């Protein structure tokens, strides 16, 4: 005799999985670009390096911050000694774009005030 187990759909867990997948793909992209840097000529190597260090690295940072926010970690647990404070609008967009908009039973957008408060909490 088998018993049927019902699983409650938790949108927060879905958001965590989406952000983890996004983080893993960004890490893989960085590795691929680094490998291509070695193969490319001097002119292209510099452009690839710049793309990896600026665009991909910053996107990875914001994904990591959004993942920590959704998991309920404090900002201080994630980044203790950040040289540059995160851009509020960009972080808010990352949190709301990757599935964190479906918390609860209705559609819920994380407000700017909530993220501001999260950034300054100790």
C-alpha atoms as a PDB file:
ATOM      1  CA  UNK A   1       0.000   0.000   0.000  1.00  0.00           C
ATOM      2  CA  UNK A   2       1.413   3.336  -1.011  1.00  0.00           C
ATOM      3  CA  UNK A   3       0.632   6.636   0.559  1.00  0.00           C
ATOM      4  CA  UNK A   4       0.280   9.784  -1.414  1.00  0.00           C
ATOM      5  CA  UNK A   5       2.515  12.586  -0.201  1.00  0.00           C
ATOM      6  CA  UNK A   6       1.391  16.078  -1.028  1.00  0.00           C
ATOM      7  CA  UNK A   7       4.033  18.715  -1.459  1.00  0.00           C
ATOM      8  CA  UNK A   8       3.231  22.309  -0.802  1.00  0.00           C
ATOM      9  CA  UNK A   9       4.625  24.556  -3.513  1.00  0.00           C
ATOM     10  CA  UNK A  10       7.021  27.041  -1.935  1.00  0.00           C
ATOM     11  CA  UNK A  11       7.865  29.879  -4.329  1.00  0.00           C
ATOM     12  CA  UNK A  12      10.834  30.891  -2.162  1.00  0.00           C
ATOM     13  CA  UNK A  13      12.487  27.543  -2.802  1.00  0.00           C
ATOM     14  CA  UNK A  14      11.838  27.936  -6.525  1.00  0.00           C
ATOM     15  CA  UNK A  15      13.510  31.368  -6.410  1.00  0.00           C
ATOM     16  CA  UNK A  16      16.508  29.853  -4.614  1.00  0.00           C
ATOM     17  CA  UNK A  17      16.863  27.152  -7.280  1.00  0.00           C
ATOM     18  CA  UNK A  18      16.570  29.687 -10.116  1.00  0.00           C
ATOM     19  CA  UNK A  19      19.227  31.895  -8.551  1.00  0.00           C
ATOM     20  CA  UNK A  20      21.526  28.908  -7.951  1.00  0.00           C
ATOM     21  CA  UNK A  21      21.201  27.877 -11.598  1.00  0.00           C
ATOM     22  CA  UNK A  22      21.915  31.455 -12.675  1.00  0.00           C
ATOM     23  CA  UNK A  23      24.976  31.569 -10.405  1.00  0.00           C
ATOM     24  CA  UNK A  24      26.290  28.272 -11.738  1.00  0.00           C
ATOM     25  CA  UNK A  25      25.860  29.411 -15.334  1.00  0.00           C
ATOM     26  CA  UNK A  26      27.731  32.652 -14.602  1.00  0.00           C
ATOM     27  CA  UNK A  27      30.604  30.714 -13.024  1.00  0.00           C
ATOM     28  CA  UNK A  28      30.725  28.423 -16.063  1.00  0.00           C
ATOM     29  CA  UNK A  29      30.674  31.457 -18.369  1.00  0.00           C
ATOM     30  CA  UNK A  30      33.618  32.940 -16.497  1.00  0.00           C
ATOM     31  CA  UNK A  31      35.601  29.701 -16.875  1.00  0.00           C
ATOM     32  CA  UNK A  32      34.821  29.510 -20.576  1.00  0.00           C
ATOM     33  CA  UNK A  33      35.885  33.115 -21.134  1.00  0.00           C
ATOM     34  CA  UNK A  34      39.131  32.534 -19.203  1.00  0.00           C
ATOM     35  CA  UNK A  35      39.889  29.526 -21.407  1.00  0.00           C
ATOM     36  CA  UNK A  36      39.153  31.539 -24.541  1.00  0.00           C
ATOM     37  CA  UNK A  37      41.405  34.346 -23.303  1.00  0.00           C
ATOM     38  CA  UNK A  38      44.349  31.953 -23.504  1.00  0.00           C
ATOM     39  CA  UNK A  39      43.462  30.947 -27.063  1.00  0.00           C
ATOM     40  CA  UNK A  40      42.669  34.404 -28.425  1.00  0.00           C
ATOM     41  CA  UNK A  41      45.048  36.932 -29.859  1.00  0.00           C
ATOM     42  CA  UNK A  42      46.253  39.937 -27.897  1.00  0.00           C
ATOM     43  CA  UNK A  43      43.500  42.310 -29.040  1.00  0.00           C
ATOM     44  CA  UNK A  44      40.691  39.867 -28.322  1.00  0.00           C
ATOM     45  CA  UNK A  45      42.285  38.663 -25.088  1.00  0.00           C
ATOM     46  CA  UNK A  46      42.047  42.125 -23.585  1.00  0.00           C
ATOM     47  CA  UNK A  47      38.403  42.526 -24.590  1.00  0.00           C
ATOM     48  CA  UNK A  48      37.479  39.087 -23.262  1.00  0.00           C
ATOM     49  CA  UNK A  49      39.291  39.779 -19.996  1.00  0.00           C
ATOM     50  CA  UNK A  50      37.486  43.092 -19.579  1.00  0.00           C
ATOM     51  CA  UNK A  51      34.117  41.436 -20.209  1.00  0.00           C
ATOM     52  CA  UNK A  52      34.858  38.680 -17.671  1.00  0.00           C
ATOM     53  CA  UNK A  53      36.170  41.023 -14.992  1.00  0.00           C
ATOM     54  CA  UNK A  54      33.531  43.741 -15.301  1.00  0.00           C
ATOM     55  CA  UNK A  55      30.266  42.388 -16.661  1.00  0.00           C
ATOM     56  CA  UNK A  56      30.328  38.735 -15.621  1.00  0.00           C
ATOM     57  CA  UNK A  57      31.914  39.332 -12.217  1.00  0.00           C
ATOM     58  CA  UNK A  58      29.445  42.088 -11.302  1.00  0.00           C
ATOM     59  CA  UNK A  59      26.498  39.988 -12.446  1.00  0.00           C
ATOM     60  CA  UNK A  60      27.804  37.110 -10.316  1.00  0.00           C
ATOM     61  CA  UNK A  61      28.045  39.402  -7.297  1.00  0.00           C
ATOM     62  CA  UNK A  62      24.459  40.633  -7.658  1.00  0.00           C
ATOM     63  CA  UNK A  63      23.186  37.094  -8.155  1.00  0.00           C
ATOM     64  CA  UNK A  64      25.034  36.032  -4.997  1.00  0.00           C
ATOM     65  CA  UNK A  65      23.524  38.952  -3.062  1.00  0.00           C
ATOM     66  CA  UNK A  66      20.017  38.172  -4.333  1.00  0.00           C
ATOM     67  CA  UNK A  67      20.443  34.516  -3.361  1.00  0.00           C
ATOM     68  CA  UNK A  68      21.494  35.517   0.149  1.00  0.00           C
ATOM     69  CA  UNK A  69      18.510  37.881   0.423  1.00  0.00           C
ATOM     70  CA  UNK A  70      16.030  35.202  -0.645  1.00  0.00           C
ATOM     71  CA  UNK A  71      17.625  32.667   1.727  1.00  0.00           C
ATOM     72  CA  UNK A  72      17.208  35.108   4.608  1.00  0.00           C
ATOM     73  CA  UNK A  73      20.881  35.831   5.242  1.00  0.00           C
ATOM     74  CA  UNK A  74      21.940  39.267   6.420  1.00  0.00           C
ATOM     75  CA  UNK A  75      23.980  41.468   4.115  1.00  0.00           C
ATOM     76  CA  UNK A  76      26.843  41.397   6.615  1.00  0.00           C
ATOM     77  CA  UNK A  77      26.962  37.584   6.419  1.00  0.00           C
ATOM     78  CA  UNK A  78      27.376  37.753   2.653  1.00  0.00           C
ATOM     79  CA  UNK A  79      29.746  40.700   2.223  1.00  0.00           C
ATOM     80  CA  UNK A  80      31.749  41.745   5.250  1.00  0.00           C
ATOM     81  CA  UNK A  81      34.328  43.985   3.606  1.00  0.00           C
ATOM     82  CA  UNK A  82      32.855  45.214   0.345  1.00  0.00           C
ATOM     83  CA  UNK A  83      34.868  47.952  -1.330  1.00  0.00           C
ATOM     84  CA  UNK A  84      31.841  49.247  -3.177  1.00  0.00           C
ATOM     85  CA  UNK A  85      28.250  49.278  -1.963  1.00  0.00           C
ATOM     86  CA  UNK A  86      25.809  47.463  -4.254  1.00  0.00           C
ATOM     87  CA  UNK A  87      23.557  49.489  -6.514  1.00  0.00           C
ATOM     88  CA  UNK A  88      20.096  49.330  -5.003  1.00  0.00           C
ATOM     89  CA  UNK A  89      18.152  49.367  -8.287  1.00  0.00           C
ATOM     90  CA  UNK A  90      20.251  46.611  -9.845  1.00  0.00           C
ATOM     91  CA  UNK A  91      19.974  44.375  -6.777  1.00  0.00           C
ATOM     92  CA  UNK A  92      16.228  44.963  -6.572  1.00  0.00           C
ATOM     93  CA  UNK A  93      15.819  44.085 -10.247  1.00  0.00           C
ATOM     94  CA  UNK A  94      17.818  40.853  -9.776  1.00  0.00           C
ATOM     95  CA  UNK A  95      15.727  39.835  -6.752  1.00  0.00           C
ATOM     96  CA  UNK A  96      12.431  40.536  -8.484  1.00  0.00           C
ATOM     97  CA  UNK A  97      13.416  39.027 -11.853  1.00  0.00           C
ATOM     98  CA  UNK A  98      14.553  35.610 -10.680  1.00  0.00           C
ATOM     99  CA  UNK A  99      11.367  34.263  -9.184  1.00  0.00           C
ATOM    100  CA  UNK A 100      11.248  35.998  -5.835  1.00  0.00           C
ATOM    101  CA  UNK A 101       8.143  37.800  -7.088  1.00  0.00           C
ATOM    102  CA  UNK A 102       5.903  34.845  -6.310  1.00  0.00           C
ATOM    103  CA  UNK A 103       6.203  34.716  -2.537  1.00  0.00           C
ATOM    104  CA  UNK A 104       2.991  33.874  -0.737  1.00  0.00           C
ATOM    105  CA  UNK A 105      -0.140  33.126  -2.655  1.00  0.00           C
ATOM    106  CA  UNK A 106      -0.201  36.193  -4.839  1.00  0.00           C
ATOM    107  CA  UNK A 107       2.342  38.109  -6.798  1.00  0.00           C
ATOM    108  CA  UNK A 108       4.650  40.008  -4.505  1.00  0.00           C
ATOM    109  CA  UNK A 109       7.358  42.430  -5.523  1.00  0.00           C
ATOM    110  CA  UNK A 110      10.116  43.130  -3.055  1.00  0.00           C
ATOM    111  CA  UNK A 111      10.063  46.864  -2.356  1.00  0.00           C
ATOM    112  CA  UNK A 112      13.017  49.188  -2.464  1.00  0.00           C
ATOM    113  CA  UNK A 113      12.570  49.989   1.229  1.00  0.00           C
ATOM    114  CA  UNK A 114      12.912  46.328   2.218  1.00  0.00           C
ATOM    115  CA  UNK A 115      16.185  45.998   0.312  1.00  0.00           C
ATOM    116  CA  UNK A 116      17.499  49.300   1.745  1.00  0.00           C
ATOM    117  CA  UNK A 117      16.740  48.070   5.255  1.00  0.00           C
ATOM    118  CA  UNK A 118      18.408  44.716   4.505  1.00  0.00           C
ATOM    119  CA  UNK A 119      21.577  46.468   3.323  1.00  0.00           C
ATOM    120  CA  UNK A 120      21.977  48.574   6.480  1.00  0.00           C
ATOM    121  CA  UNK A 121      21.030  45.940   9.084  1.00  0.00           C
ATOM    122  CA  UNK A 122      23.890  44.656  11.203  1.00  0.00           C
END
